[in-house]
Structure formats: C-alpha cells, structure tokens
Amino acid sequence: MSEDKKSASPAGAMQIIPAIDIIDGKCVRLTQGDYEQKKIYNEHPLEVAKQFEAAGLTRLHLVDLDGAKAGAVKNWKVLEAIAGKTSLVIDFGGGIKKEEDVKIVFDCGAVYATIGSLAVKEEAIFVNWLNVYGAAKFLLGADVKDEKIAVGGWLETTAIWVYDFIRKYIKHGIQQVFCTDVSKDGKLEGPSTALYKNIISEFPALHFIASGGVSSLKDLEDLQAIGCKGVIVGKAIYEGRVSIKELTKFQCI
C-alpha cells in the first residue's frame, strides 16, 4: 500500500466519507439493512468511486453486503479495482470473520478493515488482529439501538452499552469508530445527533465518525457543529438530497 494515501482531515474539517454498498458487484443501498429493500444505483462501482475522487473527496466506505451475508469476503475484486484505479483511502467491511479475510482486504488495497459484529461476539479474535496488524489499521463499527449494541444484521440487540463497547476498544488502541443508529439508517430522516454528541463528549480524543440518516446539508452542518471528525453519507447522495460538489465544502474548512 502506497504511503502517500493520507486519511487525515485538515484542521477543523469534518471529513465526508461517501459509502458504496456492493451486492453482486453492483452499487446498491438498503433500508435499515434489509436485503429485501434493495435499490441498485449503478452497475459499476468504480465509476461511482471515480466521481467521488474527481469531486475532491478523499475517502471511501466500501461495504461487501454479499460478504456480510455469507460470513466471508466476496466482493474483493471491486475493492481491488477501486484501490488500483483511484487514490481514495478505503475502509472495507462485510464478511471479515477470519484472518484470511483480513489479509485479502489489505492485499486488495484497503487502508482500513471495518469490523462490527465480530468485535462484539469474538473479542479475543479481534484483539489478536489489533495486536498483529496494529489497531490503527482497523475501523470499529458500532451499530446502536437505544444506546445498546446491535449485531447480526441489526436483528439482535445486545445488552452492551455503546459507551462500554467503545471504551473497551479504545483501551486496545482503536482510534477510529463509526456509529450507526439502526433506527435511522437509510431512511433519510436525519442522524442521531444527540447520541453522537454524548459519545463525543465521553470520548473527546476519539476520531468519531457519524453514520446513518443524513438527508441534507443541514444535517452535515449539525454533525460538524458537535465535533464529528467524519460522516458516512450514502443514500442522501444517491437520491440527490445532497450533491457531491456540495459535500466537498466540508473537506476544506
């Protein structure tokens, strides 16, 4: 991996991280993680990624939905193509369950491996990866419902308080966390700003990334105002609620 790919934001900026979700090699979006509520936006994810790059965005959140369902990385060729033909800093998630999957993700060009449910259910495995590869190589995903961690495609809510979950992995060296309120994702009803504000207040040094519910520039301005270091934007882009050009203003503040 080229060392000239930089992930840091300018001082004071909130980094916009566009999302590409992949099923059968195509760019899709789900509503609340429901595979039955699937909409295909583009047959060619590389084209979408190049549009983001051309607009001046520098990072990409790439999700292998086939992999998430199968429990093993499936769409690694999409990752390889985007990493090889753009300079985007990519975090890749979905189906990373074994060390073989971690190796595939890094070998195919991801800067970060995104880990969610495995960090909840297989703590020892994840901590070992943090030690082997370095915690800076991982983006921790915290799916949340009523401040409790949700797993298994959001069908199962655990008794784990999100603050305890984040605190535990910060102690293991995790530097970046993105949090998705599963009641908001894909519904374009606005993000869980109050929840995110509380998390940022509890962990002020954390590189906190908001995810889910963004529907307008006003939502992004609100997230920036509470101190989010980044925000993952998906359906709002594809449905035309915000333009790619409008998003770039947050990169330069």
C-alpha atoms as a PDB file:
ATOM      1  CA  MET A   1       0.000   0.000   0.000  1.00  0.00           C
ATOM      2  CA  SER A   2       1.298   3.383  -1.026  1.00  0.00           C
ATOM      3  CA  GLU A   3       2.227   5.567   1.889  1.00  0.00           C
ATOM      4  CA  ASP A   4       1.132   8.707   0.036  1.00  0.00           C
ATOM      5  CA  LYS A   5      -2.521   7.937   0.665  1.00  0.00           C
ATOM      6  CA  LYS A   6      -3.391  10.223   3.542  1.00  0.00           C
ATOM      7  CA  SER A   7      -6.502   9.868   5.674  1.00  0.00           C
ATOM      8  CA  ALA A   8      -6.149  12.884   7.924  1.00  0.00           C
ATOM      9  CA  SER A   9      -8.560  15.793   7.606  1.00  0.00           C
ATOM     10  CA  PRO A  10      -7.447  19.430   7.522  1.00  0.00           C
ATOM     11  CA  ALA A  11      -7.550  21.069  10.932  1.00  0.00           C
ATOM     12  CA  GLY A  12     -11.146  21.818  11.873  1.00  0.00           C
ATOM     13  CA  ALA A  13     -12.618  19.937   8.926  1.00  0.00           C
ATOM     14  CA  MET A  14     -15.168  17.172   9.054  1.00  0.00           C
ATOM     15  CA  GLN A  15     -14.278  14.507   6.531  1.00  0.00           C
ATOM     16  CA  ILE A  16     -17.047  13.365   4.221  1.00  0.00           C
ATOM     17  CA  ILE A  17     -16.869   9.615   3.611  1.00  0.00           C
ATOM     18  CA  PRO A  18     -19.164   8.505   0.799  1.00  0.00           C
ATOM     19  CA  ALA A  19     -20.456   4.945   1.027  1.00  0.00           C
ATOM     20  CA  ILE A  20     -20.659   2.302  -1.651  1.00  0.00           C
ATOM     21  CA  ASP A  21     -22.546  -0.868  -0.725  1.00  0.00           C
ATOM     22  CA  ILE A  22     -21.963  -3.858  -3.002  1.00  0.00           C
ATOM     23  CA  ILE A  23     -24.251  -6.738  -3.955  1.00  0.00           C
ATOM     24  CA  ASP A  24     -23.338  -8.896  -6.978  1.00  0.00           C
ATOM     25  CA  GLY A  25     -20.628  -6.386  -7.843  1.00  0.00           C
ATOM     26  CA  LYS A  26     -23.152  -3.542  -8.153  1.00  0.00           C
ATOM     27  CA  CYS A  27     -23.610  -0.330  -6.174  1.00  0.00           C
ATOM     28  CA  VAL A  28     -26.792  -0.618  -4.095  1.00  0.00           C
ATOM     29  CA  ARG A  29     -28.401   0.797  -0.967  1.00  0.00           C
ATOM     30  CA  LEU A  30     -30.533  -0.998   1.582  1.00  0.00           C
ATOM     31  CA  THR A  31     -33.045   0.474   4.011  1.00  0.00           C
ATOM     32  CA  GLN A  32     -32.283  -0.443   7.642  1.00  0.00           C
ATOM     33  CA  GLY A  33     -30.076  -3.296   6.475  1.00  0.00           C
ATOM     34  CA  ASP A  34     -32.969  -5.128   4.827  1.00  0.00           C
ATOM     35  CA  TYR A  35     -31.819  -7.071   1.758  1.00  0.00           C
ATOM     36  CA  GLU A  36     -35.437  -7.109   0.547  1.00  0.00           C
ATOM     37  CA  GLN A  37     -35.359  -3.299   0.422  1.00  0.00           C
ATOM     38  CA  LYS A  38     -32.538  -3.119  -2.116  1.00  0.00           C
ATOM     39  CA  LYS A  39     -32.121  -0.450  -4.787  1.00  0.00           C
ATOM     40  CA  ILE A  40     -29.431  -0.659  -7.475  1.00  0.00           C
ATOM     41  CA  TYR A  41     -27.882   2.737  -8.249  1.00  0.00           C
ATOM     42  CA  ASN A  42     -25.038   1.812 -10.563  1.00  0.00           C
ATOM     43  CA  GLU A  43     -23.817  -1.387 -12.206  1.00  0.00           C
ATOM     44  CA  HIS A  44     -20.218  -0.165 -11.982  1.00  0.00           C
ATOM     45  CA  PRO A  45     -18.958   0.870  -8.507  1.00  0.00           C
ATOM     46  CA  LEU A  46     -15.613   2.016  -9.941  1.00  0.00           C
ATOM     47  CA  GLU A  47     -17.436   4.714 -11.925  1.00  0.00           C
ATOM     48  CA  VAL A  48     -19.089   5.946  -8.737  1.00  0.00           C
ATOM     49  CA  ALA A  49     -15.782   5.947  -6.861  1.00  0.00           C
ATOM     50  CA  LYS A  50     -14.127   7.932  -9.649  1.00  0.00           C
ATOM     51  CA  GLN A  51     -16.906  10.523  -9.433  1.00  0.00           C
ATOM     52  CA  PHE A  52     -16.213  10.940  -5.723  1.00  0.00           C
ATOM     53  CA  GLU A  53     -12.498  11.288  -6.354  1.00  0.00           C
ATOM     54  CA  ALA A  54     -12.993  13.775  -9.202  1.00  0.00           C
ATOM     55  CA  ALA A  55     -15.058  15.963  -6.887  1.00  0.00           C
ATOM     56  CA  GLY A  56     -12.220  16.130  -4.375  1.00  0.00           C
ATOM     57  CA  LEU A  57     -13.401  13.600  -1.822  1.00  0.00           C
ATOM     58  CA  THR A  58     -10.530  11.509  -0.486  1.00  0.00           C
ATOM     59  CA  ARG A  59     -12.028   8.613   1.423  1.00  0.00           C
ATOM     60  CA  LEU A  60     -14.489   5.780   0.741  1.00  0.00           C
ATOM     61  CA  HIS A  61     -16.578   3.466   2.928  1.00  0.00           C
ATOM     62  CA  LEU A  62     -16.929   0.223   0.958  1.00  0.00           C
ATOM     63  CA  VAL A  63     -19.307  -2.452   2.239  1.00  0.00           C
ATOM     64  CA  ASP A  64     -19.484  -6.011   0.913  1.00  0.00           C
ATOM     65  CA  LEU A  65     -23.121  -6.905   1.588  1.00  0.00           C
ATOM     66  CA  ASP A  66     -22.725 -10.317  -0.045  1.00  0.00           C
ATOM     67  CA  GLY A  67     -19.798 -10.929   2.285  1.00  0.00           C
ATOM     68  CA  ALA A  68     -21.749  -9.807   5.318  1.00  0.00           C
ATOM     69  CA  LYS A  69     -24.476 -12.302   4.465  1.00  0.00           C
ATOM     70  CA  ALA A  70     -22.065 -15.151   3.661  1.00  0.00           C
ATOM     71  CA  GLY A  71     -19.644 -14.558   6.543  1.00  0.00           C
ATOM     72  CA  ALA A  72     -16.645 -14.290   4.216  1.00  0.00           C
ATOM     73  CA  VAL A  73     -15.305 -11.550   1.952  1.00  0.00           C
ATOM     74  CA  LYS A  74     -16.871 -11.873  -1.532  1.00  0.00           C
ATOM     75  CA  ASN A  75     -16.512  -8.615  -3.471  1.00  0.00           C
ATOM     76  CA  TRP A  76     -12.759  -8.247  -3.141  1.00  0.00           C
ATOM     77  CA  LYS A  77     -12.403  -7.635  -6.883  1.00  0.00           C
ATOM     78  CA  VAL A  78     -14.431  -4.427  -6.529  1.00  0.00           C
ATOM     79  CA  LEU A  79     -12.112  -3.317  -3.743  1.00  0.00           C
ATOM     80  CA  GLU A  80      -9.051  -4.197  -5.819  1.00  0.00           C
ATOM     81  CA  ALA A  81     -10.341  -2.246  -8.831  1.00  0.00           C
ATOM     82  CA  ILE A  82     -11.200   0.894  -6.870  1.00  0.00           C
ATOM     83  CA  ALA A  83      -7.966   0.827  -4.863  1.00  0.00           C
ATOM     84  CA  GLY A  84      -5.925   0.259  -8.009  1.00  0.00           C
ATOM     85  CA  LYS A  85      -7.586   2.937 -10.144  1.00  0.00           C
ATOM     86  CA  THR A  86      -8.227   5.717  -7.616  1.00  0.00           C
ATOM     87  CA  SER A  87      -6.250   7.269  -4.773  1.00  0.00           C
ATOM     88  CA  LEU A  88      -9.192   7.051  -2.361  1.00  0.00           C
ATOM     89  CA  VAL A  89      -8.442   5.949   1.189  1.00  0.00           C
ATOM     90  CA  ILE A  90     -10.740   2.947   1.523  1.00  0.00           C
ATOM     91  CA  ASP A  91     -12.170   1.257   4.561  1.00  0.00           C
ATOM     92  CA  PHE A  92     -13.698  -2.097   3.673  1.00  0.00           C
ATOM     93  CA  GLY A  93     -16.128  -4.179   5.690  1.00  0.00           C
ATOM     94  CA  GLY A  94     -18.549  -7.041   5.332  1.00  0.00           C
ATOM     95  CA  GLY A  95     -17.714 -10.689   5.891  1.00  0.00           C
ATOM     96  CA  ILE A  96     -14.398 -10.225   7.681  1.00  0.00           C
ATOM     97  CA  LYS A  97     -14.589 -13.192  10.022  1.00  0.00           C
ATOM     98  CA  LYS A  98     -11.217 -14.945   9.661  1.00  0.00           C
ATOM     99  CA  GLU A  99      -7.622 -13.780   9.413  1.00  0.00           C
ATOM    100  CA  GLU A 100      -7.651 -14.891   5.785  1.00  0.00           C
ATOM    101  CA  ASP A 101     -10.334 -12.250   5.178  1.00  0.00           C
ATOM    102  CA  VAL A 102      -8.219  -9.574   6.855  1.00  0.00           C
ATOM    103  CA  LYS A 103      -5.280 -10.454   4.611  1.00  0.00           C
ATOM    104  CA  ILE A 104      -7.454 -10.343   1.485  1.00  0.00           C
ATOM    105  CA  VAL A 105      -8.792  -6.902   2.409  1.00  0.00           C
ATOM    106  CA  PHE A 106      -5.349  -5.415   2.984  1.00  0.00           C
ATOM    107  CA  ASP A 107      -3.782  -7.194  -0.004  1.00  0.00           C
ATOM    108  CA  CYS A 108      -6.527  -5.793  -2.265  1.00  0.00           C
ATOM    109  CA  GLY A 109      -5.792  -2.228  -1.206  1.00  0.00           C
ATOM    110  CA  ALA A 110      -7.945  -1.258   1.747  1.00  0.00           C
ATOM    111  CA  VAL A 111      -6.262   1.106   4.200  1.00  0.00           C
ATOM    112  CA  TYR A 112      -8.655   0.078   6.979  1.00  0.00           C
ATOM    113  CA  ALA A 113     -10.571  -3.115   7.724  1.00  0.00           C
ATOM    114  CA  THR A 114     -14.005  -2.385   9.162  1.00  0.00           C
ATOM    115  CA  ILE A 115     -15.078  -4.653  11.997  1.00  0.00           C
ATOM    116  CA  GLY A 116     -18.503  -4.666  13.651  1.00  0.00           C
ATOM    117  CA  SER A 117     -20.304  -7.773  14.902  1.00  0.00           C
ATOM    118  CA  LEU A 118     -17.097  -9.794  15.259  1.00  0.00           C
ATOM    119  CA  ALA A 119     -15.817  -7.266  17.799  1.00  0.00           C
ATOM    120  CA  VAL A 120     -18.939  -7.994  19.837  1.00  0.00           C
ATOM    121  CA  LYS A 121     -19.084 -11.773  19.507  1.00  0.00           C
ATOM    122  CA  GLU A 122     -15.413 -12.751  19.072  1.00  0.00           C
ATOM    123  CA  GLU A 123     -13.488 -10.292  21.207  1.00  0.00           C
ATOM    124  CA  ALA A 124     -10.388 -12.493  21.539  1.00  0.00           C
ATOM    125  CA  ILE A 125     -10.061 -12.871  17.760  1.00  0.00           C
ATOM    126  CA  PHE A 126     -10.402  -9.144  17.156  1.00  0.00           C
ATOM    127  CA  VAL A 127      -7.953  -8.200  19.900  1.00  0.00           C
ATOM    128  CA  ASN A 128      -5.443 -10.601  18.364  1.00  0.00           C
ATOM    129  CA  TRP A 129      -5.822  -8.857  14.987  1.00  0.00           C
ATOM    130  CA  LEU A 130      -5.316  -5.492  16.674  1.00  0.00           C
ATOM    131  CA  ASN A 131      -2.070  -6.802  18.105  1.00  0.00           C
ATOM    132  CA  VAL A 132      -0.876  -8.463  14.880  1.00  0.00           C
ATOM    133  CA  TYR A 133      -1.729  -5.748  12.352  1.00  0.00           C
ATOM    134  CA  GLY A 134      -1.890  -2.679  14.606  1.00  0.00           C
ATOM    135  CA  ALA A 135      -5.040  -1.024  15.914  1.00  0.00           C
ATOM    136  CA  ALA A 136      -4.561   1.898  13.512  1.00  0.00           C
ATOM    137  CA  LYS A 137      -5.453  -0.447  10.630  1.00  0.00           C
ATOM    138  CA  PHE A 138      -8.991  -1.037  11.855  1.00  0.00           C
ATOM    139  CA  LEU A 139     -12.193   0.984  11.839  1.00  0.00           C
ATOM    140  CA  LEU A 140     -14.586  -0.145  14.568  1.00  0.00           C
ATOM    141  CA  GLY A 141     -18.266  -0.106  13.700  1.00  0.00           C
ATOM    142  CA  ALA A 142     -20.815   0.317  16.467  1.00  0.00           C
ATOM    143  CA  ASP A 143     -24.386  -0.344  15.370  1.00  0.00           C
ATOM    144  CA  VAL A 144     -26.675   1.001  18.054  1.00  0.00           C
ATOM    145  CA  LYS A 145     -30.336   0.754  19.038  1.00  0.00           C
ATOM    146  CA  ASP A 146     -31.414   2.677  22.145  1.00  0.00           C
ATOM    147  CA  GLU A 147     -27.729   3.098  23.087  1.00  0.00           C
ATOM    148  CA  LYS A 148     -27.207  -0.681  23.061  1.00  0.00           C
ATOM    149  CA  ILE A 149     -25.041  -2.517  20.532  1.00  0.00           C
ATOM    150  CA  ALA A 150     -26.922  -4.348  17.763  1.00  0.00           C
ATOM    151  CA  VAL A 151     -25.488  -7.248  15.755  1.00  0.00           C
ATOM    152  CA  GLY A 152     -26.473  -9.864  13.190  1.00  0.00           C
ATOM    153  CA  GLY A 153     -27.728  -7.540  10.501  1.00  0.00           C
ATOM    154  CA  TRP A 154     -29.327  -5.440  13.240  1.00  0.00           C
ATOM    155  CA  LEU A 155     -31.805  -8.194  14.082  1.00  0.00           C
ATOM    156  CA  GLU A 156     -30.306  -8.752  17.530  1.00  0.00           C
ATOM    157  CA  THR A 157     -29.861  -6.066  20.184  1.00  0.00           C
ATOM    158  CA  THR A 158     -27.388  -6.946  22.920  1.00  0.00           C
ATOM    159  CA  ALA A 159     -27.225  -5.704  26.492  1.00  0.00           C
ATOM    160  CA  ILE A 160     -23.883  -3.980  25.779  1.00  0.00           C
ATOM    161  CA  TRP A 161     -23.955  -0.242  26.350  1.00  0.00           C
ATOM    162  CA  VAL A 162     -22.309   1.587  23.446  1.00  0.00           C
ATOM    163  CA  TYR A 163     -20.095   3.613  25.792  1.00  0.00           C
ATOM    164  CA  ASP A 164     -18.686   0.468  27.421  1.00  0.00           C
ATOM    165  CA  PHE A 165     -18.094  -1.077  23.985  1.00  0.00           C
ATOM    166  CA  ILE A 166     -16.152   1.925  22.706  1.00  0.00           C
ATOM    167  CA  ARG A 167     -14.214   2.373  25.948  1.00  0.00           C
ATOM    168  CA  LYS A 168     -13.046  -1.251  25.879  1.00  0.00           C
ATOM    169  CA  TYR A 169     -11.600  -0.997  22.391  1.00  0.00           C
ATOM    170  CA  ILE A 170     -10.026   2.394  22.936  1.00  0.00           C
ATOM    171  CA  LYS A 171      -8.016   0.629  25.645  1.00  0.00           C
ATOM    172  CA  HIS A 172      -6.910  -1.836  22.952  1.00  0.00           C
ATOM    173  CA  GLY A 173      -5.716   1.041  20.768  1.00  0.00           C
ATOM    174  CA  ILE A 174      -8.683   1.691  18.476  1.00  0.00           C
ATOM    175  CA  GLN A 175      -8.540   5.266  17.182  1.00  0.00           C
ATOM    176  CA  GLN A 176     -11.498   5.479  14.795  1.00  0.00           C
ATOM    177  CA  VAL A 177     -15.099   4.483  15.455  1.00  0.00           C
ATOM    178  CA  PHE A 178     -18.179   4.947  13.323  1.00  0.00           C
ATOM    179  CA  CYS A 179     -21.588   4.666  14.901  1.00  0.00           C
ATOM    180  CA  THR A 180     -24.843   3.867  13.121  1.00  0.00           C
ATOM    181  CA  ASP A 181     -28.228   4.263  14.784  1.00  0.00           C
ATOM    182  CA  VAL A 182     -30.043   1.370  13.131  1.00  0.00           C
ATOM    183  CA  SER A 183     -33.401   3.088  13.535  1.00  0.00           C
ATOM    184  CA  LYS A 184     -32.174   5.881  11.250  1.00  0.00           C
ATOM    185  CA  ASP A 185     -30.108   4.186   8.563  1.00  0.00           C
ATOM    186  CA  GLY A 186     -31.309   4.553   5.004  1.00  0.00           C
ATOM    187  CA  LYS A 187     -34.477   6.407   5.996  1.00  0.00           C
ATOM    188  CA  LEU A 188     -33.276   9.960   5.254  1.00  0.00           C
ATOM    189  CA  GLU A 189     -34.884  11.182   8.473  1.00  0.00           C
ATOM    190  CA  GLY A 190     -31.823  12.846   9.975  1.00  0.00           C
ATOM    191  CA  PRO A 191     -28.933  11.483  12.073  1.00  0.00           C
ATOM    192  CA  SER A 192     -28.866  10.721  15.802  1.00  0.00           C
ATOM    193  CA  THR A 193     -27.121  13.965  16.627  1.00  0.00           C
ATOM    194  CA  ALA A 194     -27.897  13.870  20.347  1.00  0.00           C
ATOM    195  CA  LEU A 195     -26.429  10.366  20.715  1.00  0.00           C
ATOM    196  CA  TYR A 196     -23.320  11.319  18.785  1.00  0.00           C
ATOM    197  CA  LYS A 197     -22.861  14.452  20.852  1.00  0.00           C
ATOM    198  CA  ASN A 198     -22.936  12.351  24.025  1.00  0.00           C
ATOM    199  CA  ILE A 199     -20.374   9.886  22.641  1.00  0.00           C
ATOM    200  CA  ILE A 200     -18.036  12.687  21.570  1.00  0.00           C
ATOM    201  CA  SER A 201     -18.383  14.295  24.993  1.00  0.00           C
ATOM    202  CA  GLU A 202     -17.481  10.989  26.651  1.00  0.00           C
ATOM    203  CA  PHE A 203     -14.507  10.332  24.331  1.00  0.00           C
ATOM    204  CA  PRO A 204     -13.210  13.731  23.163  1.00  0.00           C
ATOM    205  CA  ALA A 205      -9.941  12.332  21.743  1.00  0.00           C
ATOM    206  CA  LEU A 206     -11.708   9.728  19.594  1.00  0.00           C
ATOM    207  CA  HIS A 207     -11.842  10.106  15.799  1.00  0.00           C
ATOM    208  CA  PHE A 208     -15.617   9.759  15.767  1.00  0.00           C
ATOM    209  CA  ILE A 209     -17.487   9.179  12.507  1.00  0.00           C
ATOM    210  CA  ALA A 210     -21.269   9.548  12.299  1.00  0.00           C
ATOM    211  CA  SER A 211     -23.265   7.192  10.083  1.00  0.00           C
ATOM    212  CA  GLY A 212     -26.899   6.843   9.122  1.00  0.00           C
ATOM    213  CA  GLY A 213     -29.819   9.141   8.487  1.00  0.00           C
ATOM    214  CA  VAL A 214     -28.074  12.060   6.776  1.00  0.00           C
ATOM    215  CA  SER A 215     -30.622  13.718   4.490  1.00  0.00           C
ATOM    216  CA  SER A 216     -29.417  17.293   3.922  1.00  0.00           C
ATOM    217  CA  LEU A 217     -26.563  19.757   4.185  1.00  0.00           C
ATOM    218  CA  LYS A 218     -28.160  20.983   7.420  1.00  0.00           C
ATOM    219  CA  ASP A 219     -27.650  17.521   8.928  1.00  0.00           C
ATOM    220  CA  LEU A 220     -23.984  17.669   7.991  1.00  0.00           C
ATOM    221  CA  GLU A 221     -23.585  21.151   9.450  1.00  0.00           C
ATOM    222  CA  ASP A 222     -25.172  19.952  12.699  1.00  0.00           C
ATOM    223  CA  LEU A 223     -22.798  16.979  12.874  1.00  0.00           C
ATOM    224  CA  GLN A 224     -19.835  19.233  12.274  1.00  0.00           C
ATOM    225  CA  ALA A 225     -21.016  21.602  14.994  1.00  0.00           C
ATOM    226  CA  ILE A 226     -20.997  18.852  17.637  1.00  0.00           C
ATOM    227  CA  GLY A 227     -17.444  17.814  16.737  1.00  0.00           C
ATOM    228  CA  CYS A 228     -17.742  14.812  14.428  1.00  0.00           C
ATOM    229  CA  LYS A 229     -14.429  14.138  12.699  1.00  0.00           C
ATOM    230  CA  GLY A 230     -16.158  12.417   9.809  1.00  0.00           C
ATOM    231  CA  VAL A 231     -19.542  11.386   8.489  1.00  0.00           C
ATOM    232  CA  ILE A 232     -20.502   8.494   6.228  1.00  0.00           C
ATOM    233  CA  VAL A 233     -23.019   9.580   3.593  1.00  0.00           C
ATOM    234  CA  GLY A 234     -24.838   7.098   1.404  1.00  0.00           C
ATOM    235  CA  LYS A 235     -28.445   7.291   0.300  1.00  0.00           C
ATOM    236  CA  ALA A 236     -28.567  11.107   0.509  1.00  0.00           C
ATOM    237  CA  ILE A 237     -26.034  11.220  -2.348  1.00  0.00           C
ATOM    238  CA  TYR A 238     -27.726   8.600  -4.482  1.00  0.00           C
ATOM    239  CA  GLU A 239     -31.196  10.084  -4.006  1.00  0.00           C
ATOM    240  CA  GLY A 240     -29.963  13.573  -4.883  1.00  0.00           C
ATOM    241  CA  ARG A 241     -30.589  15.114  -1.445  1.00  0.00           C
ATOM    242  CA  VAL A 242     -27.033  16.465  -1.447  1.00  0.00           C
ATOM    243  CA  SER A 243     -24.696  16.861  -4.405  1.00  0.00           C
ATOM    244  CA  ILE A 244     -21.152  15.569  -4.424  1.00  0.00           C
ATOM    245  CA  LYS A 245     -19.979  19.107  -5.122  1.00  0.00           C
ATOM    246  CA  GLU A 246     -21.768  20.420  -2.035  1.00  0.00           C
ATOM    247  CA  LEU A 247     -20.106  17.770   0.098  1.00  0.00           C
ATOM    248  CA  THR A 248     -16.603  18.943  -0.760  1.00  0.00           C
ATOM    249  CA  LYS A 249     -17.023  22.207   1.157  1.00  0.00           C
ATOM    250  CA  PHE A 250     -16.713  20.281   4.407  1.00  0.00           C
ATOM    251  CA  GLN A 251     -13.298  18.979   3.361  1.00  0.00           C
ATOM    252  CA  CYS A 252     -11.741  22.435   3.211  1.00  0.00           C
ATOM    253  CA  ILE A 253     -12.970  24.212   6.346  1.00  0.00           C
END
